[in-house]
C-alpha atoms as a PDB file:
ATOM      1  CA  MET A   1      -9.333 -10.992  11.495  1.00  0.00           C
ATOM      2  CA  ASP A   2     -10.788 -11.247   7.770  1.00  0.00           C
ATOM      3  CA  GLN A   3      -8.017  -9.882   5.353  1.00  0.00           C
ATOM      4  CA  LYS A   4     -10.029  -6.611   4.876  1.00  0.00           C
ATOM      5  CA  SER A   5      -9.445  -5.384   9.049  1.00  0.00           C
ATOM      6  CA  ASP A   6      -5.821  -7.019   8.531  1.00  0.00           C
ATOM      7  CA  LEU A   7      -5.145  -4.719   5.903  1.00  0.00           C
ATOM      8  CA  GLU A   8      -6.832  -1.702   7.504  1.00  0.00           C
ATOM      9  CA  ARG A   9      -4.525  -1.933  10.432  1.00  0.00           C
ATOM     10  CA  GLN A  10      -1.689  -2.820   8.324  1.00  0.00           C
ATOM     11  CA  ILE A  11      -2.534   0.642   6.716  1.00  0.00           C
ATOM     12  CA  GLU A  12      -3.147   2.712   9.917  1.00  0.00           C
ATOM     13  CA  TYR A  13       0.120   1.253  11.280  1.00  0.00           C
ATOM     14  CA  LEU A  14       2.614   2.500   8.520  1.00  0.00           C
ATOM     15  CA  LYS A  15      -0.153   6.074   8.949  1.00  0.00           C
ATOM     16  CA  GLU A  16       0.717   6.273  11.901  1.00  0.00           C
ATOM     17  CA  TYR A  17       4.835   4.962  11.257  1.00  0.00           C
ATOM     18  CA  CYS A  18       4.725   6.887   8.085  1.00  0.00           C
ATOM     19  CA  SER A  19       3.494  10.666  10.352  1.00  0.00           C
ATOM     20  CA  ALA A  20       6.145  10.113  13.056  1.00  0.00           C
ATOM     21  CA  LYS A  21       9.031   9.179  10.515  1.00  0.00           C
ATOM     22  CA  GLY A  22       7.636  13.173   9.388  1.00  0.00           C
ATOM     23  CA  TYR A  23       7.423  11.278   6.373  1.00  0.00           C
ATOM     24  CA  ASN A  24       4.577  12.350   3.565  1.00  0.00           C
ATOM     25  CA  THR A  25       1.571   9.820   2.512  1.00  0.00           C
ATOM     26  CA  VAL A  26       1.098  10.241  -1.258  1.00  0.00           C
ATOM     27  CA  ASP A  27      -1.102   7.852  -1.706  1.00  0.00           C
ATOM     28  CA  ILE A  28      -2.282   4.398  -0.329  1.00  0.00           C
ATOM     29  CA  LEU A  29      -2.092   1.729  -2.592  1.00  0.00           C
ATOM     30  CA  THR A  30      -3.718  -1.784  -1.812  1.00  0.00           C
ATOM     31  CA  ASP A  31      -4.817  -5.501  -2.631  1.00  0.00           C
ATOM     32  CA  ILE A  32      -6.001  -8.022  -1.071  1.00  0.00           C
ATOM     33  CA  ALA A  33      -4.867 -11.362  -2.380  1.00  0.00           C
ATOM     34  CA  SER A  34      -1.784 -13.050  -2.914  1.00  0.00           C
ATOM     35  CA  GLY A  35       1.272 -12.095  -2.870  1.00  0.00           C
ATOM     36  CA  LEU A  36       2.284 -14.626  -5.183  1.00  0.00           C
ATOM     37  CA  ASN A  37       0.328 -12.823  -7.973  1.00  0.00           C
ATOM     38  CA  GLU A  38       1.051 -10.427  -9.934  1.00  0.00           C
ATOM     39  CA  LYS A  39      -1.830  -9.741 -11.464  1.00  0.00           C
ATOM     40  CA  ARG A  40      -3.068  -6.671  -8.246  1.00  0.00           C
ATOM     41  CA  ARG A  41      -4.307  -3.022  -9.021  1.00  0.00           C
ATOM     42  CA  GLY A  42      -2.525  -1.812  -6.613  1.00  0.00           C
ATOM     43  CA  LEU A  43       1.303  -3.522  -7.464  1.00  0.00           C
ATOM     44  CA  LYS A  44       0.160  -2.668 -10.957  1.00  0.00           C
ATOM     45  CA  ASN A  45      -1.231   0.684  -9.728  1.00  0.00           C
ATOM     46  CA  PHE A  46       2.770   1.368  -8.011  1.00  0.00           C
ATOM     47  CA  LEU A  47       5.239   0.189 -10.417  1.00  0.00           C
ATOM     48  CA  ILE A  48       2.785   3.295 -13.187  1.00  0.00           C
ATOM     49  CA  MET A  49       4.001   5.636 -10.330  1.00  0.00           C
ATOM     50  CA  LEU A  50       7.330   4.535  -9.844  1.00  0.00           C
ATOM     51  CA  LEU A  51       8.056   5.088 -14.080  1.00  0.00           C
ATOM     52  CA  MET A  52       6.017   8.426 -14.327  1.00  0.00           C
ATOM     53  CA  VAL A  53       8.578   9.955 -11.302  1.00  0.00           C
ATOM     54  CA  ARG A  54      11.922   8.159 -13.981  1.00  0.00           C
END
């Protein structure tokens, strides 16, 4: 299984989980990279969103 199909499977699982819990999904941020790599677009976008909420 490649990283992209694994990512798609994880996204579908989390969308179903959020729906079952009644959570409102605002956005889906993704990265296909190592978790040890801090230079990821999805991570940067997530941190920017957090700063905007403050």
